[in-house]
Amino acid sequence: MISITLPVFVKWAGGKSKLIPQFKEHFPEKVESYYEPFLGGGAVFFYFTQFYKPNKLVLSDINHVLVELYRNVKENPDQLIKLLKEHKSKHTPDSSKYYYKMRERYNQLHNTIEKSALFLYLNKTCFNGLYRENAKGHFNVPIGRYKNPSIVNAGEIKKASSLLKNAEVFEQDFENILPSVNKNDFVYLDPPYHPVSETSSFTSYSKQDFGKEDQKRLAEFCKKLDKKGVKFMLSNSDTKFVKELYSEFNIHLVSTRRMISADKTKRKTINEVVVKNYS
């Protein structure tokens, strides 16, 4: 048994770290080239790059700040850690004034190492580690209630940096990978989930929502992957709409615990679907 740690350095709604044990039985036996166009927290990538050791790794996301963060973890881990230590030294349980000052600073910056450090600082101190942007593209999550948030984890960042060395990281829409994927490549897709109810919708990981038409576009994209002989696996919510979109493929259920709700009584175990075009 190979012992694998997942250096998931960023909190992300719907992160897959806890689902890896259930996902293992659904992964293909061999992977030469790996693509992940909804990068998020990157748990599946960190598993694949260690266990399968693909020859080619292509990661992407539409959230430009997240992409820049991964690039800085890859290329500038020491500088990132240094900046995070400065934020940690100024953060206290009652430091809401500092938090909101840094949130305002974050929204003023363009992509820089400073913005990446602020991204991680806010990520570890905001409510539930939630990332949300308003229509202007501004991060607007309030401060969380943490006594001792883990603002700096140098070991995770350095391990992640090492695992990212051979990966290409792009800011792009998921459809952009279609021309470059080939037969027997593997694509893992973890889009913003289709809401299980009208009141549970959350798709604002960037200023562009990922709505019903995007879900349909993604399903058509998966059909194109299938026609090219590309293996894909997709995660989504267990809804009638999702099951209808992928009815021609293999659909399996996995269970997880919903943690994003502000109401602890609603943080319950739910089913999600795994869709595959292979057995």
Protein backbone atom coordinates (compact mmCIF):
# COMPACT_ATOMS: atom_id res chain seq x y z
CA MET A 1 0.00 0.00 0.00
CA ILE A 2 1.43 3.34 -1.09
CA SER A 3 1.05 6.11 1.49
CA ILE A 4 -0.01 9.34 -0.21
CA THR A 5 -0.54 12.73 1.38
CA LEU A 6 -2.55 15.40 -0.40
CA PRO A 7 -1.02 18.87 0.10
CA VAL A 8 -4.28 20.71 -0.52
CA PHE A 9 -3.13 24.17 0.53
CA VAL A 10 -6.35 26.03 -0.28
CA LYS A 11 -9.86 25.48 1.09
CA TRP A 12 -12.43 25.11 -1.68
CA ALA A 13 -16.17 24.52 -1.54
CA GLY A 14 -16.76 20.99 -2.78
CA GLY A 15 -13.12 19.96 -2.31
CA LYS A 16 -12.52 16.28 -2.97
CA SER A 17 -9.93 15.26 -0.36
CA LYS A 18 -12.41 13.22 1.67
CA LEU A 19 -13.86 11.55 -1.42
CA ILE A 20 -10.58 10.13 -2.73
CA PRO A 21 -11.11 6.76 -0.94
CA GLN A 22 -14.45 6.38 -2.75
CA PHE A 23 -13.10 7.72 -6.04
CA LYS A 24 -10.25 5.19 -6.19
CA GLU A 25 -12.46 2.38 -7.46
CA HIS A 26 -13.70 4.60 -10.26
CA PHE A 27 -10.35 5.86 -11.56
CA PRO A 28 -8.95 4.24 -14.73
CA GLU A 29 -6.22 1.64 -14.32
CA LYS A 30 -3.60 3.61 -16.24
CA VAL A 31 -3.19 7.30 -16.97
CA GLU A 32 -0.54 8.73 -19.31
CA SER A 33 -1.86 12.28 -19.69
CA TYR A 34 -4.02 13.95 -17.06
CA TYR A 35 -6.26 17.00 -17.52
CA GLU A 36 -8.25 18.83 -14.84
CA PRO A 37 -10.11 21.90 -16.19
CA PHE A 38 -11.95 22.80 -12.95
CA LEU A 39 -8.94 22.88 -10.65
CA GLY A 40 -10.37 24.19 -7.37
CA GLY A 41 -8.55 22.66 -4.40
CA GLY A 42 -6.68 20.20 -6.61
CA ALA A 43 -7.10 17.09 -4.40
CA VAL A 44 -7.60 14.69 -7.32
CA PHE A 45 -4.59 16.14 -9.13
CA PHE A 46 -2.38 15.72 -6.05
CA TYR A 47 -3.50 12.10 -5.82
CA PHE A 48 -2.98 11.36 -9.51
CA THR A 49 0.43 12.94 -9.85
CA GLN A 50 1.75 10.80 -6.99
CA PHE A 51 -0.01 7.50 -7.63
CA TYR A 52 -0.12 7.39 -11.45
CA LYS A 53 2.79 9.69 -12.30
CA PRO A 54 1.35 10.81 -15.67
CA ASN A 55 3.69 11.91 -18.46
CA LYS A 56 1.66 15.08 -19.02
CA LEU A 57 -0.29 17.19 -16.52
CA VAL A 58 -2.56 20.03 -17.65
CA LEU A 59 -4.46 22.01 -15.02
CA SER A 60 -6.80 24.92 -15.60
CA ASP A 61 -9.59 27.01 -14.14
CA ILE A 62 -11.59 30.07 -15.14
CA ASN A 63 -10.81 31.82 -11.84
CA HIS A 64 -7.74 33.88 -12.71
CA VAL A 65 -6.68 34.53 -9.10
CA LEU A 66 -6.78 30.82 -8.29
CA VAL A 67 -4.67 30.05 -11.36
CA GLU A 68 -2.14 32.71 -10.38
CA LEU A 69 -2.00 31.24 -6.86
CA TYR A 70 -1.11 27.79 -8.25
CA ARG A 71 1.55 29.35 -10.44
CA ASN A 72 3.08 31.12 -7.46
CA VAL A 73 2.98 27.97 -5.33
CA LYS A 74 4.77 26.25 -8.18
CA GLU A 75 7.37 28.94 -8.86
CA ASN A 76 7.64 31.14 -5.74
CA PRO A 77 6.81 29.03 -2.67
CA ASP A 78 9.38 30.63 -0.34
CA GLN A 79 8.25 34.17 -1.10
CA LEU A 80 4.62 33.15 -0.65
CA ILE A 81 5.38 31.57 2.73
CA LYS A 82 7.26 34.70 3.84
CA LEU A 83 4.26 36.93 3.04
CA LEU A 84 1.85 34.54 4.77
CA LYS A 85 3.98 34.64 7.92
CA GLU A 86 3.63 38.44 7.93
CA HIS A 87 -0.17 38.12 7.77
CA LYS A 88 -0.15 35.51 10.52
CA SER A 89 1.84 37.84 12.79
CA LYS A 90 -0.82 40.54 12.39
CA HIS A 91 -3.89 38.33 12.69
CA THR A 92 -5.57 37.82 16.08
CA PRO A 93 -9.01 36.36 17.00
CA ASP A 94 -10.38 39.92 17.20
CA SER A 95 -8.59 41.24 14.09
CA SER A 96 -11.65 41.90 11.95
CA LYS A 97 -10.32 45.39 11.18
CA TYR A 98 -7.15 43.87 9.69
CA TYR A 99 -9.17 41.25 7.77
CA TYR A 100 -11.43 43.80 6.07
CA LYS A 101 -8.49 46.06 5.32
CA MET A 102 -6.73 43.13 3.63
CA ARG A 103 -9.91 42.16 1.79
CA GLU A 104 -10.13 45.68 0.37
CA ARG A 105 -6.45 45.55 -0.56
CA TYR A 106 -6.97 42.19 -2.25
CA ASN A 107 -9.77 43.57 -4.43
CA GLN A 108 -7.58 46.48 -5.52
CA LEU A 109 -4.66 44.35 -6.67
CA HIS A 110 -4.01 42.72 -10.01
CA ASN A 111 -2.26 39.36 -10.16
CA THR A 112 0.91 39.55 -8.07
CA ILE A 113 2.59 37.39 -5.44
CA GLU A 114 1.09 39.79 -2.88
CA LYS A 115 -2.41 39.03 -4.16
CA SER A 116 -1.74 35.29 -4.03
CA ALA A 117 -0.64 35.59 -0.40
CA LEU A 118 -3.74 37.65 0.40
CA PHE A 119 -5.87 35.04 -1.36
CA LEU A 120 -4.55 32.36 0.99
CA TYR A 121 -4.76 34.59 4.07
CA LEU A 122 -8.42 35.43 3.35
CA ASN A 123 -9.13 31.81 2.42
CA LYS A 124 -7.93 30.60 5.83
CA THR A 125 -9.68 33.33 7.85
CA CYS A 126 -12.95 34.00 6.01
CA PHE A 127 -16.27 32.30 6.74
CA ASN A 128 -15.96 28.54 6.06
CA GLY A 129 -13.07 29.05 3.65
CA LEU A 130 -15.68 30.10 1.09
CA TYR A 131 -14.60 31.79 -2.13
CA ARG A 132 -17.25 34.00 -3.68
CA GLU A 133 -17.12 36.94 -6.07
CA ASN A 134 -19.78 39.55 -6.73
CA ALA A 135 -20.75 40.85 -10.17
CA LYS A 136 -17.76 43.21 -10.15
CA GLY A 137 -15.39 40.31 -9.56
CA HIS A 138 -14.68 41.37 -5.96
CA PHE A 139 -14.22 38.88 -3.15
CA ASN A 140 -16.97 39.62 -0.61
CA VAL A 141 -16.96 36.88 2.04
CA PRO A 142 -17.08 38.06 5.69
CA ILE A 143 -14.54 37.08 8.33
CA GLY A 144 -14.91 33.66 9.95
CA ARG A 145 -14.88 32.82 13.65
CA TYR A 146 -11.58 31.04 14.19
CA LYS A 147 -9.48 31.11 17.34
CA ASN A 148 -6.30 29.89 15.64
CA PRO A 149 -6.63 29.61 11.85
CA SER A 150 -3.89 27.74 9.99
CA ILE A 151 -2.67 30.68 7.92
CA VAL A 152 0.78 29.26 7.14
CA ASN A 153 1.48 25.62 6.34
CA ALA A 154 4.95 25.77 4.83
CA GLY A 155 5.23 22.00 4.50
CA GLU A 156 2.05 21.73 2.43
CA ILE A 157 3.03 24.61 0.16
CA LYS A 158 6.51 23.21 -0.49
CA LYS A 159 5.19 19.71 -1.19
CA ALA A 160 2.52 21.14 -3.49
CA SER A 161 5.22 23.19 -5.26
CA SER A 162 7.25 20.04 -5.87
CA LEU A 163 4.23 18.16 -7.27
CA LEU A 164 3.32 21.09 -9.53
CA LYS A 165 6.77 21.29 -11.15
CA ASN A 166 5.79 19.17 -14.15
CA ALA A 167 2.28 20.59 -14.52
CA GLU A 168 1.10 23.25 -16.94
CA VAL A 169 -1.42 25.65 -15.38
CA PHE A 170 -3.75 27.76 -17.52
CA GLU A 171 -6.56 30.26 -17.05
CA GLN A 172 -9.21 29.09 -19.50
CA ASP A 173 -12.68 27.71 -20.05
CA PHE A 174 -13.00 23.93 -19.89
CA GLU A 175 -13.77 23.64 -23.61
CA ASN A 176 -10.32 24.98 -24.49
CA ILE A 177 -8.69 21.63 -23.74
CA LEU A 178 -10.62 19.78 -26.47
CA PRO A 179 -8.10 20.27 -29.32
CA SER A 180 -5.18 18.98 -27.24
CA VAL A 181 -6.67 15.87 -25.62
CA ASN A 182 -6.15 12.55 -27.39
CA LYS A 183 -7.39 8.99 -27.26
CA ASN A 184 -6.68 7.32 -23.89
CA ASP A 185 -5.99 10.63 -22.12
CA PHE A 186 -7.91 11.09 -18.86
CA VAL A 187 -9.94 14.17 -17.93
CA TYR A 188 -11.36 14.74 -14.45
CA LEU A 189 -14.16 17.32 -14.30
CA ASP A 190 -15.40 18.89 -11.07
CA PRO A 191 -17.61 21.82 -12.10
CA PRO A 192 -19.67 24.04 -9.80
CA TYR A 193 -22.50 21.69 -8.89
CA HIS A 194 -26.03 21.96 -10.16
CA PRO A 195 -28.12 23.10 -7.15
CA VAL A 196 -30.18 20.41 -5.42
CA SER A 197 -32.86 23.05 -4.73
CA GLU A 198 -33.69 26.62 -5.70
CA THR A 199 -32.38 27.93 -2.35
CA SER A 200 -29.09 26.01 -2.36
CA SER A 201 -27.63 27.49 -5.53
CA PHE A 202 -23.99 28.55 -5.24
CA THR A 203 -22.04 28.96 -8.46
CA SER A 204 -20.20 32.27 -7.94
CA TYR A 205 -16.61 31.00 -7.74
CA SER A 206 -15.91 33.78 -10.22
CA LYS A 207 -17.98 36.74 -11.38
CA GLN A 208 -19.40 34.49 -14.10
CA ASP A 209 -22.04 32.13 -12.71
CA PHE A 210 -22.06 28.51 -13.86
CA GLY A 211 -25.74 28.00 -14.59
CA LYS A 212 -28.02 25.49 -16.27
CA GLU A 213 -26.89 26.34 -19.79
CA ASP A 214 -23.26 25.84 -18.73
CA GLN A 215 -24.18 22.43 -17.31
CA LYS A 216 -25.70 21.52 -20.69
CA ARG A 217 -22.61 22.84 -22.48
CA LEU A 218 -20.43 20.71 -20.22
CA ALA A 219 -22.49 17.60 -20.96
CA GLU A 220 -22.07 18.20 -24.72
CA PHE A 221 -18.35 18.66 -24.14
CA CYS A 222 -18.20 15.27 -22.41
CA LYS A 223 -19.88 13.69 -25.43
CA LYS A 224 -17.16 15.21 -27.62
CA LEU A 225 -14.49 13.77 -25.33
CA ASP A 226 -16.14 10.38 -25.60
CA LYS A 227 -16.18 10.54 -29.41
CA LYS A 228 -12.44 11.26 -29.36
CA GLY A 229 -11.81 8.19 -27.22
CA VAL A 230 -10.82 10.30 -24.21
CA LYS A 231 -11.67 8.83 -20.82
CA PHE A 232 -13.46 11.21 -18.49
CA MET A 233 -14.82 11.18 -14.97
CA LEU A 234 -17.15 13.90 -13.72
CA SER A 235 -18.48 14.82 -10.28
CA ASN A 236 -21.79 16.59 -9.76
CA SER A 237 -24.86 16.73 -7.53
CA ASP A 238 -27.33 13.87 -7.37
CA THR A 239 -30.23 15.51 -9.20
CA LYS A 240 -32.67 14.39 -11.89
CA PHE A 241 -31.35 17.10 -14.20
CA VAL A 242 -27.74 15.89 -13.94
CA LYS A 243 -28.70 12.25 -14.38
CA GLU A 244 -30.68 13.10 -17.51
CA LEU A 245 -27.76 15.03 -18.97
CA TYR A 246 -25.44 12.03 -18.60
CA SER A 247 -27.93 9.19 -19.06
CA GLU A 248 -25.85 7.55 -21.82
CA PHE A 249 -22.83 7.17 -19.52
CA ASN A 250 -22.10 5.16 -16.37
CA ILE A 251 -23.44 6.89 -13.26
CA HIS A 252 -22.43 5.91 -9.71
CA LEU A 253 -23.23 7.37 -6.30
CA VAL A 254 -20.75 8.46 -3.65
CA SER A 255 -21.58 10.00 -0.27
CA THR A 256 -20.08 13.04 1.40
CA ARG A 257 -20.85 15.56 4.11
CA ARG A 258 -22.01 19.03 3.19
CA MET A 259 -19.93 21.54 5.20
CA ILE A 260 -20.61 24.92 3.60
CA SER A 261 -23.97 25.70 5.24
CA ALA A 262 -23.97 28.31 8.01
CA ASP A 263 -26.59 26.20 9.78
CA LYS A 264 -24.77 23.25 11.38
CA THR A 265 -28.00 21.21 11.37
CA LYS A 266 -27.92 21.25 7.56
CA ARG A 267 -24.38 19.87 7.36
CA LYS A 268 -25.53 16.36 6.61
CA THR A 269 -24.38 13.39 4.55
CA ILE A 270 -25.61 13.59 0.97
CA ASN A 271 -25.15 11.67 -2.25
CA GLU A 272 -23.23 12.96 -5.25
CA VAL A 273 -22.82 11.39 -8.65
CA VAL A 274 -19.72 10.16 -10.45
CA VAL A 275 -20.13 9.95 -14.22
CA LYS A 276 -17.73 7.89 -16.37
CA ASN A 277 -17.53 6.87 -20.02
CA TYR A 278 -15.59 3.69 -19.21
CA SER A 279 -16.27 0.60 -17.09
